[in-house]
Amino acid sequence: MQLLRKEIKLSPELNSKLDELTRNKRAHYYTHKELEIILEHFCICQEEFEGL
């Protein structure tokens, strides 16, 4: 999870998309919609994610 957060911080495009959705910046979890955007950014389909 830490590696994922690091990768997200390094991507300005992904960061801006998440900023548009995020209400609570201090949360230690991602909402369903935020997770969809993250998976889309890293080209991971839902089936692949569920298999992790």
N, C-alpha and C. Protein backbone atom coordinates (compact mmCIF):
# COMPACT_ATOMS: atom_id res chain seq x y z
N MET A 1 0.83 -1.19 0.00
CA MET A 1 0.00 0.00 0.00
C MET A 1 0.87 1.25 0.00
N GLN A 2 1.99 1.19 0.73
CA GLN A 2 2.88 2.34 0.75
C GLN A 2 3.46 2.61 -0.63
N LEU A 3 3.80 1.55 -1.34
CA LEU A 3 4.32 1.70 -2.70
C LEU A 3 3.27 2.32 -3.61
N LEU A 4 2.02 1.91 -3.45
CA LEU A 4 0.93 2.48 -4.24
C LEU A 4 0.79 3.97 -3.95
N ARG A 5 0.81 4.35 -2.68
CA ARG A 5 0.70 5.77 -2.33
C ARG A 5 1.86 6.57 -2.91
N LYS A 6 3.06 5.98 -2.91
CA LYS A 6 4.23 6.66 -3.47
C LYS A 6 4.04 6.88 -4.97
N GLU A 7 3.59 5.85 -5.68
CA GLU A 7 3.36 5.96 -7.11
C GLU A 7 2.30 7.02 -7.42
N ILE A 8 1.27 7.08 -6.61
CA ILE A 8 0.21 8.07 -6.81
C ILE A 8 0.77 9.47 -6.63
N LYS A 9 1.59 9.67 -5.62
CA LYS A 9 2.19 10.99 -5.39
C LYS A 9 3.08 11.42 -6.54
N LEU A 10 3.69 10.47 -7.24
CA LEU A 10 4.59 10.78 -8.34
C LEU A 10 3.86 11.09 -9.64
N SER A 11 2.56 10.88 -9.68
CA SER A 11 1.79 11.11 -10.90
C SER A 11 0.89 12.33 -10.76
N PRO A 12 1.31 13.47 -11.35
CA PRO A 12 0.48 14.68 -11.25
C PRO A 12 -0.92 14.49 -11.85
N GLU A 13 -1.00 13.75 -12.94
CA GLU A 13 -2.30 13.53 -13.59
C GLU A 13 -3.24 12.77 -12.67
N LEU A 14 -2.75 11.70 -12.08
CA LEU A 14 -3.57 10.90 -11.17
C LEU A 14 -3.91 11.70 -9.92
N ASN A 15 -2.96 12.43 -9.41
CA ASN A 15 -3.19 13.26 -8.23
C ASN A 15 -4.31 14.27 -8.46
N SER A 16 -4.31 14.90 -9.62
CA SER A 16 -5.35 15.90 -9.89
C SER A 16 -6.73 15.25 -10.00
N LYS A 17 -6.80 14.07 -10.61
CA LYS A 17 -8.08 13.36 -10.71
C LYS A 17 -8.61 13.00 -9.33
N LEU A 18 -7.71 12.52 -8.47
CA LEU A 18 -8.13 12.14 -7.11
C LEU A 18 -8.52 13.36 -6.29
N ASP A 19 -7.80 14.47 -6.48
CA ASP A 19 -8.13 15.69 -5.74
C ASP A 19 -9.54 16.17 -6.05
N GLU A 20 -9.99 15.96 -7.28
CA GLU A 20 -11.34 16.37 -7.66
C GLU A 20 -12.40 15.57 -6.89
N LEU A 21 -12.07 14.35 -6.52
CA LEU A 21 -13.03 13.47 -5.84
C LEU A 21 -12.91 13.47 -4.32
N THR A 22 -11.72 13.70 -3.83
CA THR A 22 -11.44 13.50 -2.41
C THR A 22 -12.01 14.60 -1.55
N ARG A 23 -12.77 14.18 -0.54
CA ARG A 23 -13.31 15.13 0.43
C ARG A 23 -12.45 15.17 1.68
N ASN A 24 -11.97 14.02 2.10
CA ASN A 24 -11.20 13.93 3.33
C ASN A 24 -9.77 13.51 2.99
N LYS A 25 -8.88 14.49 2.91
CA LYS A 25 -7.50 14.22 2.50
C LYS A 25 -6.72 13.45 3.57
N ARG A 26 -7.23 13.39 4.79
CA ARG A 26 -6.52 12.71 5.86
C ARG A 26 -6.91 11.24 5.97
N ALA A 27 -7.84 10.81 5.19
CA ALA A 27 -8.31 9.42 5.27
C ALA A 27 -7.20 8.47 4.84
N HIS A 28 -7.17 7.31 5.45
CA HIS A 28 -6.17 6.30 5.12
C HIS A 28 -6.76 5.21 4.24
N TYR A 29 -7.81 5.55 3.54
CA TYR A 29 -8.46 4.59 2.66
C TYR A 29 -8.90 5.32 1.40
N TYR A 30 -9.22 4.57 0.36
CA TYR A 30 -9.73 5.15 -0.88
C TYR A 30 -11.19 4.78 -1.04
N THR A 31 -11.97 5.72 -1.54
CA THR A 31 -13.37 5.41 -1.83
C THR A 31 -13.43 4.52 -3.07
N HIS A 32 -14.59 3.97 -3.32
CA HIS A 32 -14.77 3.10 -4.48
C HIS A 32 -14.43 3.85 -5.77
N LYS A 33 -14.90 5.07 -5.88
CA LYS A 33 -14.66 5.86 -7.10
C LYS A 33 -13.17 6.19 -7.25
N GLU A 34 -12.51 6.53 -6.14
CA GLU A 34 -11.07 6.80 -6.20
C GLU A 34 -10.31 5.56 -6.63
N LEU A 35 -10.70 4.42 -6.10
CA LEU A 35 -10.05 3.17 -6.46
C LEU A 35 -10.23 2.86 -7.95
N GLU A 36 -11.41 3.13 -8.48
CA GLU A 36 -11.64 2.93 -9.91
C GLU A 36 -10.68 3.77 -10.74
N ILE A 37 -10.47 5.02 -10.35
CA ILE A 37 -9.56 5.90 -11.08
C ILE A 37 -8.12 5.41 -10.97
N ILE A 38 -7.73 4.96 -9.79
CA ILE A 38 -6.37 4.44 -9.59
C ILE A 38 -6.14 3.21 -10.46
N LEU A 39 -7.08 2.28 -10.46
CA LEU A 39 -6.94 1.07 -11.26
C LEU A 39 -6.89 1.40 -12.75
N GLU A 40 -7.73 2.32 -13.17
CA GLU A 40 -7.73 2.73 -14.57
C GLU A 40 -6.39 3.33 -14.95
N HIS A 41 -5.83 4.16 -14.08
CA HIS A 41 -4.55 4.81 -14.34
C HIS A 41 -3.43 3.78 -14.54
N PHE A 42 -3.45 2.72 -13.73
CA PHE A 42 -2.41 1.69 -13.81
C PHE A 42 -2.80 0.53 -14.73
N CYS A 43 -3.88 0.72 -15.50
CA CYS A 43 -4.35 -0.29 -16.47
C CYS A 43 -4.60 -1.64 -15.82
N ILE A 44 -5.26 -1.62 -14.67
CA ILE A 44 -5.62 -2.84 -13.97
C ILE A 44 -7.13 -2.99 -14.02
N CYS A 45 -7.59 -4.11 -14.56
CA CYS A 45 -9.04 -4.33 -14.63
C CYS A 45 -9.54 -4.85 -13.28
N GLN A 46 -10.84 -4.81 -13.10
CA GLN A 46 -11.43 -5.22 -11.83
C GLN A 46 -11.12 -6.68 -11.51
N GLU A 47 -11.14 -7.54 -12.52
CA GLU A 47 -10.86 -8.96 -12.30
C GLU A 47 -9.42 -9.15 -11.80
N GLU A 48 -8.48 -8.41 -12.38
CA GLU A 48 -7.09 -8.51 -11.93
C GLU A 48 -6.96 -8.04 -10.49
N PHE A 49 -7.63 -6.94 -10.18
CA PHE A 49 -7.56 -6.40 -8.83
C PHE A 49 -8.11 -7.39 -7.81
N GLU A 50 -9.24 -8.00 -8.14
CA GLU A 50 -9.86 -8.96 -7.22
C GLU A 50 -8.97 -10.18 -7.03
N GLY A 51 -8.12 -10.48 -8.00
CA GLY A 51 -7.22 -11.61 -7.90
C GLY A 51 -5.96 -11.33 -7.09
N LEU A 52 -5.76 -10.08 -6.73
CA LEU A 52 -4.54 -9.73 -5.97
C LEU A 52 -4.61 -10.19 -4.54
